């Protein structure tokens, strides 16, 4: 008798897909709520509607719940003080909700510097979820512009940045730093050393800006 059971396809050198990490927060509900309180969100229903304090507080609460779940599932050796400070700040915002969301836009997250996998060390961990970056076969790690060592899983730090706009470690305002970086090149151009050759296009821009400032003074 022949066994007519169909043979299963077999491929050489094909490894099982690595298991996904489980400690990353599930932010689906958070981002859904965030889209309702961000007045510049594409999914915001009414461009003229101002989010209520209750709605803003609810958004903060969803982030708090996810961060608290990370503390509950954290390994014993993990120092949770960063998460505890974030949660404390979130609670304060819930008690006195801001009139509008003060975080960074999604475009800011898209432009954050990515850290190549080959640059990561085995001991490098996300300060928020406590997972080693290299535990993920496809890590998506970003470094914040405030300091070269402030690295996070994008999935962990993204929600905080969208809601608060500050670095979780030193609380520096990231959008403010970005604006300062844009101003610096112009200031350097204006304060060139004597005899230093000036770019013609930059000189024209500076002249135009100076004329505008002059007109404003005597308008």
N, C-alpha and C. Protein backbone atom coordinates (compact mmCIF):
# COMPACT_ATOMS: atom_id res chain seq x y z
N UNK A 1 0.84 -1.19 0.00
CA UNK A 1 0.00 0.00 0.00
C UNK A 1 0.88 1.24 0.00
N UNK A 2 0.41 2.23 -0.75
CA UNK A 2 1.16 3.48 -0.80
C UNK A 2 0.47 4.53 0.06
N UNK A 3 1.28 5.33 0.70
CA UNK A 3 0.74 6.44 1.49
C UNK A 3 0.50 7.62 0.56
N UNK A 4 -0.78 7.97 0.38
CA UNK A 4 -1.11 9.05 -0.55
C UNK A 4 -1.20 10.41 0.13
N UNK A 5 -0.72 10.49 1.37
CA UNK A 5 -0.71 11.79 2.05
C UNK A 5 0.20 12.75 1.30
N UNK A 6 -0.30 13.92 0.91
CA UNK A 6 0.54 14.85 0.14
C UNK A 6 1.75 15.30 0.95
N UNK A 7 2.86 15.37 0.27
CA UNK A 7 4.10 15.79 0.91
C UNK A 7 4.06 17.29 1.19
N UNK A 8 4.61 17.67 2.32
CA UNK A 8 4.71 19.08 2.65
C UNK A 8 5.90 19.68 1.92
N UNK A 9 5.75 20.88 1.39
CA UNK A 9 6.88 21.50 0.70
C UNK A 9 8.03 21.74 1.67
N UNK A 10 9.23 21.53 1.18
CA UNK A 10 10.42 21.68 2.02
C UNK A 10 11.40 22.60 1.33
N UNK A 11 11.83 23.61 2.05
CA UNK A 11 12.80 24.53 1.49
C UNK A 11 14.04 24.54 2.36
N UNK A 12 15.18 24.59 1.71
CA UNK A 12 16.44 24.59 2.43
C UNK A 12 16.78 25.99 2.92
N UNK A 13 17.47 26.04 4.06
CA UNK A 13 18.02 27.29 4.60
C UNK A 13 16.94 28.32 4.94
N UNK A 14 15.72 27.85 5.22
CA UNK A 14 14.66 28.77 5.62
C UNK A 14 14.45 28.61 7.12
N UNK A 15 14.68 29.68 7.85
CA UNK A 15 14.54 29.64 9.31
C UNK A 15 13.17 30.17 9.71
N UNK A 16 12.71 29.68 10.85
CA UNK A 16 11.45 30.19 11.37
C UNK A 16 11.58 31.68 11.67
N UNK A 17 10.50 32.41 11.43
CA UNK A 17 10.52 33.84 11.71
C UNK A 17 10.70 34.07 13.21
N UNK A 18 11.55 35.01 13.59
CA UNK A 18 11.76 35.26 15.02
C UNK A 18 10.50 35.77 15.68
N UNK A 19 10.34 35.39 16.93
CA UNK A 19 9.16 35.83 17.66
C UNK A 19 9.24 37.32 17.96
N UNK A 20 8.09 37.97 17.85
CA UNK A 20 8.05 39.40 18.14
C UNK A 20 8.14 39.63 19.64
N UNK A 21 8.73 40.75 20.02
CA UNK A 21 8.81 41.08 21.43
C UNK A 21 7.43 41.45 21.96
N UNK A 22 7.22 41.18 23.22
CA UNK A 22 5.89 41.37 23.78
C UNK A 22 5.79 42.54 24.74
N UNK A 23 6.91 43.15 25.14
CA UNK A 23 6.85 44.20 26.14
C UNK A 23 6.61 45.58 25.55
N UNK A 24 6.63 45.72 24.27
CA UNK A 24 6.32 47.01 23.69
C UNK A 24 4.85 47.35 23.95
N UNK A 25 4.58 48.60 24.31
CA UNK A 25 3.19 48.97 24.60
C UNK A 25 2.32 48.95 23.35
N UNK A 26 1.06 48.57 23.53
CA UNK A 26 0.09 48.59 22.44
C UNK A 26 -0.58 49.96 22.44
N UNK A 27 -0.25 50.79 21.47
CA UNK A 27 -0.70 52.17 21.47
C UNK A 27 -1.81 52.45 20.47
N UNK A 28 -2.49 51.43 19.99
CA UNK A 28 -3.54 51.64 18.99
C UNK A 28 -4.64 52.57 19.52
N UNK A 29 -5.12 52.30 20.74
CA UNK A 29 -6.18 53.13 21.32
C UNK A 29 -5.68 54.54 21.58
N UNK A 30 -4.42 54.64 22.01
CA UNK A 30 -3.85 55.96 22.28
C UNK A 30 -3.84 56.82 21.03
N UNK A 31 -3.34 56.28 19.93
CA UNK A 31 -3.22 57.07 18.71
C UNK A 31 -4.60 57.40 18.13
N UNK A 32 -5.55 56.52 18.33
CA UNK A 32 -6.91 56.81 17.89
C UNK A 32 -7.48 58.00 18.66
N UNK A 33 -7.25 58.01 19.97
CA UNK A 33 -7.72 59.13 20.79
C UNK A 33 -6.94 60.40 20.48
N UNK A 34 -5.64 60.25 20.24
CA UNK A 34 -4.81 61.42 19.94
C UNK A 34 -5.28 62.13 18.68
N UNK A 35 -5.71 61.37 17.70
CA UNK A 35 -6.16 61.98 16.45
C UNK A 35 -7.41 62.84 16.65
N UNK A 36 -8.13 62.60 17.74
CA UNK A 36 -9.34 63.37 18.01
C UNK A 36 -9.06 64.67 18.76
N UNK A 37 -7.91 64.75 19.42
CA UNK A 37 -7.59 65.97 20.17
C UNK A 37 -6.55 66.83 19.48
N UNK A 38 -5.92 66.29 18.45
CA UNK A 38 -4.99 67.10 17.66
C UNK A 38 -5.77 67.85 16.60
N UNK A 39 -5.80 69.16 16.70
CA UNK A 39 -6.59 69.95 15.75
C UNK A 39 -6.01 69.94 14.35
N UNK A 40 -4.71 69.62 14.22
CA UNK A 40 -4.10 69.58 12.89
C UNK A 40 -4.01 68.17 12.33
N UNK A 41 -4.68 67.22 13.00
CA UNK A 41 -4.65 65.84 12.54
C UNK A 41 -5.54 65.67 11.30
N UNK A 42 -5.09 64.88 10.30
CA UNK A 42 -5.91 64.64 9.11
C UNK A 42 -7.25 63.97 9.42
N UNK A 43 -7.31 63.24 10.55
CA UNK A 43 -8.55 62.54 10.90
C UNK A 43 -9.42 63.35 11.85
N UNK A 44 -8.99 64.56 12.18
CA UNK A 44 -9.81 65.39 13.06
C UNK A 44 -11.08 65.79 12.32
N UNK A 45 -12.23 65.58 12.95
CA UNK A 45 -13.51 65.71 12.26
C UNK A 45 -13.89 67.17 12.00
N UNK A 46 -13.59 68.05 12.94
CA UNK A 46 -14.01 69.44 12.82
C UNK A 46 -12.80 70.35 13.01
N UNK A 47 -12.39 71.03 11.95
CA UNK A 47 -11.20 71.87 12.01
C UNK A 47 -11.35 73.01 13.01
N UNK A 48 -12.58 73.40 13.31
CA UNK A 48 -12.81 74.54 14.19
C UNK A 48 -13.12 74.12 15.62
N UNK A 49 -13.20 72.82 15.85
CA UNK A 49 -13.53 72.32 17.19
C UNK A 49 -12.29 72.34 18.08
N UNK A 50 -12.48 72.75 19.31
CA UNK A 50 -11.40 72.76 20.29
C UNK A 50 -11.59 71.55 21.20
N UNK A 51 -10.56 70.71 21.37
CA UNK A 51 -10.73 69.53 22.23
C UNK A 51 -11.05 69.93 23.66
N UNK A 52 -11.92 69.18 24.29
CA UNK A 52 -12.29 69.48 25.67
C UNK A 52 -11.22 68.96 26.61
N UNK A 53 -11.12 69.52 27.81
CA UNK A 53 -10.16 69.01 28.80
C UNK A 53 -10.37 67.53 29.10
N UNK A 54 -11.62 67.09 29.05
CA UNK A 54 -11.91 65.68 29.32
C UNK A 54 -11.26 64.80 28.25
N UNK A 55 -11.35 65.22 26.98
CA UNK A 55 -10.76 64.44 25.90
C UNK A 55 -9.23 64.41 26.00
N UNK A 56 -8.64 65.55 26.33
CA UNK A 56 -7.18 65.61 26.46
C UNK A 56 -6.72 64.74 27.63
N UNK A 57 -7.44 64.82 28.75
CA UNK A 57 -7.10 64.00 29.92
C UNK A 57 -7.22 62.52 29.60
N UNK A 58 -8.21 62.15 28.80
CA UNK A 58 -8.39 60.75 28.42
C UNK A 58 -7.22 60.25 27.58
N UNK A 59 -6.66 61.13 26.76
CA UNK A 59 -5.51 60.75 25.95
C UNK A 59 -4.30 60.49 26.84
N UNK A 60 -4.07 61.37 27.80
CA UNK A 60 -2.98 61.16 28.75
C UNK A 60 -3.19 59.87 29.54
N UNK A 61 -4.43 59.58 29.89
CA UNK A 61 -4.71 58.40 30.69
C UNK A 61 -4.38 57.12 29.93
N UNK A 62 -4.64 57.09 28.63
CA UNK A 62 -4.31 55.91 27.84
C UNK A 62 -2.81 55.66 27.82
N UNK A 63 -2.04 56.74 27.75
CA UNK A 63 -0.59 56.58 27.79
C UNK A 63 -0.14 56.11 29.17
N UNK A 64 -0.77 56.64 30.21
CA UNK A 64 -0.43 56.22 31.58
C UNK A 64 -0.66 54.72 31.76
N UNK A 65 -1.78 54.22 31.29
CA UNK A 65 -2.10 52.81 31.46
C UNK A 65 -1.06 51.91 30.79
N UNK A 66 -0.61 52.30 29.61
CA UNK A 66 0.38 51.49 28.91
C UNK A 66 1.73 51.52 29.62
N UNK A 67 2.11 52.68 30.11
CA UNK A 67 3.39 52.77 30.82
C UNK A 67 3.33 52.02 32.16
N UNK A 68 2.19 52.06 32.82
CA UNK A 68 2.06 51.30 34.07
C UNK A 68 2.13 49.80 33.81
N UNK A 69 1.62 49.36 32.67
CA UNK A 69 1.71 47.93 32.34
C UNK A 69 3.16 47.52 32.12
N UNK A 70 3.98 48.45 31.64
CA UNK A 70 5.40 48.14 31.46
C UNK A 70 6.09 47.97 32.81
N UNK A 71 5.71 48.76 33.79
CA UNK A 71 6.29 48.61 35.13
C UNK A 71 5.90 47.26 35.72
N UNK A 72 4.65 46.88 35.54
CA UNK A 72 4.16 45.62 36.11
C UNK A 72 4.86 44.41 35.51
N UNK A 73 5.24 44.51 34.24
CA UNK A 73 5.88 43.37 33.59
C UNK A 73 7.39 43.51 33.49
N UNK A 74 7.94 44.52 34.15
CA UNK A 74 9.38 44.76 34.07
C UNK A 74 10.16 43.68 34.83
N UNK A 75 11.33 43.31 34.34
CA UNK A 75 12.16 42.34 35.07
C UNK A 75 12.62 42.94 36.39
N UNK A 76 12.90 42.11 37.38
CA UNK A 76 13.24 42.61 38.73
C UNK A 76 14.43 43.56 38.75
N UNK A 77 15.39 43.34 37.84
CA UNK A 77 16.60 44.16 37.86
C UNK A 77 16.42 45.51 37.16
N UNK A 78 15.27 45.74 36.55
CA UNK A 78 15.08 46.97 35.78
C UNK A 78 14.77 48.14 36.70
N UNK A 79 15.50 49.24 36.50
CA UNK A 79 15.27 50.47 37.25
C UNK A 79 14.10 51.21 36.60
N UNK A 80 12.99 51.29 37.31
CA UNK A 80 11.77 51.86 36.73
C UNK A 80 11.61 53.35 37.00
N UNK A 81 12.67 54.02 37.47
CA UNK A 81 12.49 55.42 37.87
C UNK A 81 12.11 56.32 36.70
N UNK A 82 12.61 56.01 35.49
CA UNK A 82 12.25 56.83 34.32
C UNK A 82 10.76 56.72 34.05
N UNK A 83 10.26 55.48 34.04
CA UNK A 83 8.83 55.28 33.81
C UNK A 83 7.99 55.93 34.91
N UNK A 84 8.45 55.81 36.14
CA UNK A 84 7.70 56.39 37.26
C UNK A 84 7.62 57.91 37.14
N UNK A 85 8.70 58.53 36.69
CA UNK A 85 8.69 59.98 36.51
C UNK A 85 7.77 60.37 35.36
N UNK A 86 7.78 59.59 34.29
CA UNK A 86 6.89 59.88 33.17
C UNK A 86 5.43 59.77 33.61
N UNK A 87 5.12 58.73 34.36
CA UNK A 87 3.75 58.53 34.83
C UNK A 87 3.34 59.66 35.77
N UNK A 88 4.27 60.11 36.61
CA UNK A 88 3.96 61.23 37.51
C UNK A 88 3.62 62.49 36.72
N UNK A 89 4.39 62.75 35.67
CA UNK A 89 4.11 63.92 34.83
C UNK A 89 2.77 63.77 34.11
N UNK A 90 2.49 62.55 33.67
CA UNK A 90 1.21 62.31 32.99
C UNK A 90 0.04 62.56 33.94
N UNK A 91 0.18 62.11 35.18
CA UNK A 91 -0.89 62.33 36.16
C UNK A 91 -1.12 63.83 36.39
N UNK A 92 -0.03 64.59 36.43
CA UNK A 92 -0.17 66.04 36.61
C UNK A 92 -0.91 66.66 35.44
N UNK A 93 -0.61 66.19 34.23
CA UNK A 93 -1.30 66.70 33.05
C UNK A 93 -2.77 66.29 33.04
N UNK A 94 -3.06 65.12 33.60
CA UNK A 94 -4.46 64.69 33.69
C UNK A 94 -5.24 65.56 34.67
N UNK A 95 -4.58 65.97 35.75
CA UNK A 95 -5.25 66.80 36.75
C UNK A 95 -5.52 68.21 36.22
N UNK A 96 -4.58 68.71 35.40
CA UNK A 96 -4.74 70.04 34.80
C UNK A 96 -4.44 69.94 33.31
N UNK A 97 -5.39 69.43 32.54
CA UNK A 97 -5.13 69.19 31.11
C UNK A 97 -4.83 70.49 30.36
N UNK A 98 -3.83 70.49 29.48
CA UNK A 98 -3.56 71.67 28.67
C UNK A 98 -4.69 71.90 27.67
N UNK A 99 -4.79 73.13 27.17
CA UNK A 99 -5.85 73.44 26.22
C UNK A 99 -5.61 72.77 24.87
N UNK A 100 -4.37 72.48 24.57
CA UNK A 100 -4.05 71.80 23.32
C UNK A 100 -2.86 70.89 23.52
N UNK A 101 -2.72 69.92 22.64
CA UNK A 101 -1.62 68.97 22.73
C UNK A 101 -0.31 69.69 22.43
N UNK A 102 0.69 69.46 23.27
CA UNK A 102 1.95 70.19 23.16
C UNK A 102 3.08 69.35 22.56
N UNK A 103 2.73 68.23 21.96
CA UNK A 103 3.75 67.33 21.45
C UNK A 103 4.26 67.70 20.07
N UNK A 104 5.13 66.85 19.55
CA UNK A 104 5.71 67.05 18.22
C UNK A 104 4.79 66.43 17.18
N UNK A 105 4.84 66.90 15.94
CA UNK A 105 4.03 66.29 14.88
C UNK A 105 4.64 64.96 14.44
N UNK A 106 3.85 64.18 13.73
CA UNK A 106 4.33 62.89 13.24
C UNK A 106 5.54 63.07 12.32
N UNK A 107 5.56 64.17 11.58
CA UNK A 107 6.68 64.42 10.67
C UNK A 107 8.00 64.52 11.43
N UNK A 108 7.94 65.00 12.67
CA UNK A 108 9.16 65.09 13.49
C UNK A 108 9.69 63.69 13.80
N UNK A 109 8.79 62.78 14.15
CA UNK A 109 9.21 61.40 14.42
C UNK A 109 9.80 60.76 13.17
N UNK A 110 9.20 61.06 12.02
CA UNK A 110 9.68 60.47 10.77
C UNK A 110 11.10 60.92 10.45
N UNK A 111 11.47 62.11 10.93
CA UNK A 111 12.79 62.67 10.61
C UNK A 111 13.84 62.39 11.68
N UNK A 112 13.45 61.76 12.78
CA UNK A 112 14.43 61.46 13.82
C UNK A 112 15.52 60.54 13.29
N UNK A 113 16.73 60.76 13.78
CA UNK A 113 17.86 59.95 13.35
C UNK A 113 17.70 58.50 13.81
N UNK A 114 17.82 57.58 12.87
CA UNK A 114 17.76 56.16 13.19
C UNK A 114 19.15 55.65 13.54
N UNK A 115 19.21 54.73 14.50
CA UNK A 115 20.48 54.15 14.90
C UNK A 115 20.66 52.81 14.18
N UNK A 116 21.70 52.67 13.36
CA UNK A 116 21.91 51.40 12.65
C UNK A 116 22.11 50.24 13.63
N UNK A 117 21.62 49.09 13.25
CA UNK A 117 21.72 47.92 14.12
C UNK A 117 23.17 47.60 14.45
N UNK A 118 24.06 47.77 13.49
CA UNK A 118 25.47 47.44 13.71
C UNK A 118 26.14 48.37 14.72
N UNK A 119 25.50 49.51 15.00
CA UNK A 119 26.06 50.45 15.97
C UNK A 119 25.62 50.16 17.40
N UNK A 120 24.65 49.26 17.55
CA UNK A 120 24.11 48.96 18.87
C UNK A 120 24.95 47.92 19.60
N UNK A 121 25.04 48.07 20.92
CA UNK A 121 25.73 47.10 21.75
C UNK A 121 24.72 46.17 22.41
N UNK A 122 25.19 45.02 22.84
CA UNK A 122 24.29 44.06 23.48
C UNK A 122 23.69 44.62 24.77
N UNK A 123 24.41 45.54 25.39
CA UNK A 123 23.94 46.09 26.67
C UNK A 123 23.03 47.30 26.49
N UNK A 124 22.88 47.79 25.27
CA UNK A 124 22.02 48.96 25.03
C UNK A 124 20.55 48.57 25.20
N UNK A 125 19.85 49.31 26.04
CA UNK A 125 18.44 49.01 26.31
C UNK A 125 17.59 50.27 26.17
N UNK A 126 16.33 50.07 25.88
CA UNK A 126 15.39 51.18 25.84
C UNK A 126 15.07 51.59 27.28
N UNK A 127 15.23 52.86 27.63
CA UNK A 127 14.95 53.31 29.00
C UNK A 127 13.48 53.18 29.39
N UNK A 128 12.61 53.00 28.41
CA UNK A 128 11.18 52.94 28.72
C UNK A 128 10.70 51.50 28.90
N UNK A 129 11.00 50.63 27.95
CA UNK A 129 10.48 49.25 28.04
C UNK A 129 11.48 48.28 28.66
N UNK A 130 12.75 48.68 28.77
CA UNK A 130 13.80 47.87 29.40
C UNK A 130 14.31 46.74 28.53
N UNK A 131 13.80 46.59 27.33
CA UNK A 131 14.28 45.54 26.44
C UNK A 131 15.59 45.94 25.79
N UNK A 132 16.49 44.98 25.65
CA UNK A 132 17.71 45.22 24.89
C UNK A 132 17.33 45.43 23.43
N UNK A 133 17.90 46.44 22.82
CA UNK A 133 17.55 46.73 21.42
C UNK A 133 17.80 45.53 20.52
N UNK A 134 18.89 44.82 20.77
CA UNK A 134 19.27 43.71 19.90
C UNK A 134 18.45 42.45 20.15
N UNK A 135 17.55 42.48 21.14
CA UNK A 135 16.62 41.36 21.30
C UNK A 135 15.63 41.32 20.14
N UNK A 136 15.48 42.46 19.51
CA UNK A 136 14.60 42.56 18.35
C UNK A 136 15.43 42.33 17.09
N UNK A 137 15.06 41.38 16.25
CA UNK A 137 15.84 41.15 15.03
C UNK A 137 15.81 42.33 14.07
N UNK A 138 14.78 43.17 14.20
CA UNK A 138 14.68 44.35 13.34
C UNK A 138 14.43 45.58 14.20
N UNK A 139 15.41 46.00 14.98
CA UNK A 139 15.20 47.13 15.90
C UNK A 139 14.98 48.44 15.16
N UNK A 140 14.05 49.22 15.67
CA UNK A 140 13.81 50.56 15.14
C UNK A 140 14.12 51.54 16.27
N UNK A 141 15.38 51.91 16.33
CA UNK A 141 15.89 52.73 17.43
C UNK A 141 16.17 54.13 16.93
N UNK A 142 15.77 55.12 17.72
CA UNK A 142 16.02 56.51 17.36
C UNK A 142 16.84 57.17 18.45
N UNK A 143 17.61 58.17 18.06
CA UNK A 143 18.37 58.96 19.02
C UNK A 143 17.82 60.38 18.98
N UNK A 144 17.58 60.94 20.15
CA UNK A 144 17.02 62.29 20.23
C UNK A 144 18.13 63.32 20.10
N UNK A 145 17.82 64.48 19.54
CA UNK A 145 18.86 65.47 19.25
C UNK A 145 19.45 66.14 20.49
N UNK A 146 18.82 65.96 21.65
CA UNK A 146 19.34 66.60 22.86
C UNK A 146 20.63 65.97 23.35
N UNK A 147 20.81 64.65 23.09
CA UNK A 147 22.04 63.99 23.52
C UNK A 147 22.23 62.70 22.73
N UNK A 148 23.47 62.42 22.39
CA UNK A 148 23.77 61.27 21.53
C UNK A 148 23.52 59.93 22.20
N UNK A 149 23.38 59.92 23.53
CA UNK A 149 23.13 58.66 24.24
C UNK A 149 21.65 58.45 24.55
N UNK A 150 20.81 59.39 24.20
CA UNK A 150 19.38 59.26 24.50
C UNK A 150 18.69 58.50 23.37
N UNK A 151 18.80 57.17 23.46
CA UNK A 151 18.26 56.29 22.44
C UNK A 151 17.04 55.54 22.99
N UNK A 152 16.05 55.35 22.12
CA UNK A 152 14.80 54.70 22.52
C UNK A 152 14.27 53.86 21.37
N UNK A 153 13.46 52.86 21.74
CA UNK A 153 12.61 52.23 20.73
C UNK A 153 11.62 53.29 20.27
N UNK A 154 11.48 53.44 18.98
CA UNK A 154 10.55 54.45 18.47
C UNK A 154 9.13 54.19 18.95
N UNK A 155 8.75 52.92 19.05
CA UNK A 155 7.39 52.59 19.48
C UNK A 155 7.14 52.99 20.93
N UNK A 156 8.21 53.06 21.72
CA UNK A 156 8.06 53.42 23.13
C UNK A 156 8.06 54.92 23.34
N UNK A 157 8.98 55.61 22.66
CA UNK A 157 9.14 57.04 22.90
C UNK A 157 8.20 57.87 22.03
N UNK A 158 7.76 57.32 20.90
CA UNK A 158 6.91 58.07 19.98
C UNK A 158 5.65 58.64 20.64
N UNK A 159 4.88 57.83 21.36
CA UNK A 159 3.67 58.35 22.00
C UNK A 159 3.96 59.48 22.99
N UNK A 160 5.03 59.34 23.77
CA UNK A 160 5.38 60.40 24.71
C UNK A 160 5.70 61.70 23.96
N UNK A 161 6.48 61.59 22.90
CA UNK A 161 6.87 62.79 22.15
C UNK A 161 5.66 63.44 21.48
N UNK A 162 4.74 62.63 20.98
CA UNK A 162 3.56 63.19 20.32
C UNK A 162 2.69 63.97 21.30
N UNK A 163 2.74 63.59 22.57
CA UNK A 163 1.88 64.21 23.56
C UNK A 163 2.58 65.32 24.34
N UNK A 164 3.90 65.20 24.52
CA UNK A 164 4.61 66.14 25.38
C UNK A 164 5.70 66.95 24.69
N UNK A 165 6.38 66.36 23.72
CA UNK A 165 7.39 67.11 22.98
C UNK A 165 8.70 67.33 23.71
N UNK A 166 8.94 66.57 24.79
CA UNK A 166 10.19 66.71 25.54
C UNK A 166 10.90 65.37 25.62
N UNK A 167 12.20 65.42 25.81
CA UNK A 167 12.97 64.19 25.99
C UNK A 167 12.58 63.55 27.32
N UNK A 168 12.29 62.26 27.36
CA UNK A 168 11.91 61.61 28.62
C UNK A 168 13.01 61.61 29.67
N UNK A 169 14.26 61.83 29.26
CA UNK A 169 15.36 61.76 30.22
C UNK A 169 15.76 63.11 30.79
N UNK A 170 15.83 64.14 29.96
CA UNK A 170 16.27 65.45 30.48
C UNK A 170 15.22 66.53 30.33
N UNK A 171 14.07 66.20 29.74
CA UNK A 171 12.92 67.10 29.59
C UNK A 171 13.21 68.33 28.72
N UNK A 172 14.20 68.25 27.88
CA UNK A 172 14.45 69.36 26.97
C UNK A 172 13.38 69.39 25.89
N UNK A 173 12.94 70.60 25.53
CA UNK A 173 11.91 70.75 24.51
C UNK A 173 12.55 70.55 23.13
N UNK A 174 12.13 69.51 22.45
CA UNK A 174 12.80 69.12 21.21
C UNK A 174 12.46 70.04 20.05
N UNK A 175 11.22 70.52 19.96
CA UNK A 175 10.87 71.42 18.88
C UNK A 175 11.59 72.76 19.03
N UNK A 176 11.80 73.19 20.27
CA UNK A 176 12.53 74.43 20.52
C UNK A 176 13.96 74.30 20.05
N UNK A 177 14.56 73.13 20.30
CA UNK A 177 15.93 72.90 19.87
C UNK A 177 16.01 72.89 18.35
N UNK A 178 14.99 72.33 17.70
CA UNK A 178 14.99 72.27 16.24
C UNK A 178 14.92 73.68 15.65
N UNK A 179 14.10 74.56 16.27
CA UNK A 179 14.00 75.93 15.79
C UNK A 179 15.33 76.66 15.97
N UNK A 180 16.01 76.40 17.09
CA UNK A 180 17.29 77.04 17.35
C UNK A 180 18.32 76.62 16.31
N UNK A 181 18.28 75.34 15.92
CA UNK A 181 19.23 74.85 14.93
C UNK A 181 19.03 75.53 13.58
N UNK A 182 17.78 75.89 13.27
CA UNK A 182 17.51 76.57 12.01
C UNK A 182 18.01 78.00 12.03
N UNK A 183 18.04 78.62 13.21
CA UNK A 183 18.46 80.01 13.33
C UNK A 183 19.97 80.13 13.29
N UNK A 184 20.69 79.15 13.81
CA UNK A 184 22.14 79.23 13.92
C UNK A 184 22.85 79.52 12.61
N UNK A 185 22.54 78.83 11.49
CA UNK A 185 23.27 79.12 10.25
C UNK A 185 23.16 80.57 9.82
N UNK A 186 21.99 81.18 9.98
CA UNK A 186 21.82 82.57 9.58
C UNK A 186 22.65 83.49 10.47
N UNK A 187 22.67 83.20 11.78
CA UNK A 187 23.44 84.03 12.69
C UNK A 187 24.93 83.94 12.37
N UNK A 188 25.38 82.74 12.04
CA UNK A 188 26.78 82.58 11.68
C UNK A 188 27.11 83.37 10.43
N UNK A 189 26.18 83.40 9.50
CA UNK A 189 26.41 84.12 8.26
C UNK A 189 26.52 85.62 8.51
N UNK A 190 25.72 86.12 9.44
CA UNK A 190 25.76 87.55 9.73
C UNK A 190 27.01 87.94 10.50
N UNK A 191 27.54 87.01 11.29
CA UNK A 191 28.68 87.32 12.14
C UNK A 191 29.98 86.77 11.58
N UNK A 192 30.13 86.82 10.27
CA UNK A 192 31.34 86.31 9.65
C UNK A 192 32.54 87.17 10.01
N UNK A 193 33.69 86.54 10.00
CA UNK A 193 34.92 87.24 10.28
C UNK A 193 35.25 88.20 9.13
N UNK A 194 35.91 89.32 9.42
CA UNK A 194 36.29 90.26 8.35
C UNK A 194 37.14 89.57 7.30
N UNK A 195 36.82 89.84 6.05
CA UNK A 195 37.57 89.26 4.95
C UNK A 195 37.09 87.89 4.52
N UNK A 196 36.17 87.30 5.30
CA UNK A 196 35.65 85.98 4.94
C UNK A 196 34.65 86.12 3.80
N UNK A 197 34.80 85.30 2.79
CA UNK A 197 33.94 85.38 1.61
C UNK A 197 32.53 84.95 1.97
N UNK A 198 31.56 85.71 1.52
CA UNK A 198 30.16 85.45 1.84
C UNK A 198 29.44 84.89 0.63
N UNK A 199 28.64 83.89 0.87
CA UNK A 199 27.87 83.28 -0.21
C UNK A 199 26.87 84.30 -0.76
N UNK A 200 26.81 84.42 -2.09
CA UNK A 200 25.98 85.45 -2.72
C UNK A 200 24.51 85.24 -2.43
N UNK A 201 24.06 83.99 -2.47
CA UNK A 201 22.64 83.72 -2.23
C UNK A 201 22.27 84.05 -0.78
N UNK A 202 23.14 83.68 0.16
CA UNK A 202 22.86 83.98 1.56
C UNK A 202 22.87 85.48 1.80
N UNK A 203 23.76 86.18 1.11
CA UNK A 203 23.83 87.63 1.26
C UNK A 203 22.54 88.28 0.78
N UNK A 204 21.97 87.76 -0.31
CA UNK A 204 20.73 88.31 -0.83
C UNK A 204 19.58 88.07 0.15
N UNK A 205 19.54 86.86 0.75
CA UNK A 205 18.50 86.54 1.73
C UNK A 205 18.61 87.44 2.94
N UNK A 206 19.84 87.64 3.44
CA UNK A 206 20.03 88.50 4.60
C UNK A 206 19.63 89.94 4.30
N UNK A 207 19.97 90.40 3.10
CA UNK A 207 19.62 91.77 2.73
C UNK A 207 18.11 91.94 2.69
N UNK A 208 17.41 90.94 2.15
CA UNK A 208 15.96 90.99 2.08
C UNK A 208 15.34 91.00 3.48
N UNK A 209 15.90 90.14 4.38
CA UNK A 209 15.39 90.09 5.75
C UNK A 209 15.62 91.40 6.47
N UNK A 210 16.80 92.01 6.24
CA UNK A 210 17.11 93.27 6.89
C UNK A 210 16.17 94.37 6.42
N UNK A 211 15.84 94.35 5.13
CA UNK A 211 14.93 95.35 4.59
C UNK A 211 13.54 95.20 5.20
N UNK A 212 13.11 93.94 5.40
CA UNK A 212 11.81 93.71 6.02
C UNK A 212 11.79 94.24 7.45
N UNK A 213 12.87 93.98 8.20
CA UNK A 213 12.95 94.47 9.56
C UNK A 213 12.93 95.99 9.59
N UNK A 214 13.63 96.62 8.64
CA UNK A 214 13.67 98.08 8.56
C UNK A 214 12.28 98.64 8.27
N UNK A 215 11.56 98.01 7.32
CA UNK A 215 10.22 98.47 6.98
C UNK A 215 9.28 98.34 8.16
N UNK A 216 9.44 97.24 8.94
CA UNK A 216 8.56 97.03 10.09
C UNK A 216 8.78 98.11 11.15
N UNK A 217 10.01 98.58 11.27
CA UNK A 217 10.32 99.59 12.28
C UNK A 217 9.61 100.91 11.99
N UNK A 218 9.45 101.23 10.70
CA UNK A 218 8.90 102.53 10.35
C UNK A 218 7.53 102.43 9.69
N UNK A 219 6.89 101.26 9.85
CA UNK A 219 5.55 101.09 9.26
C UNK A 219 4.53 101.92 10.04
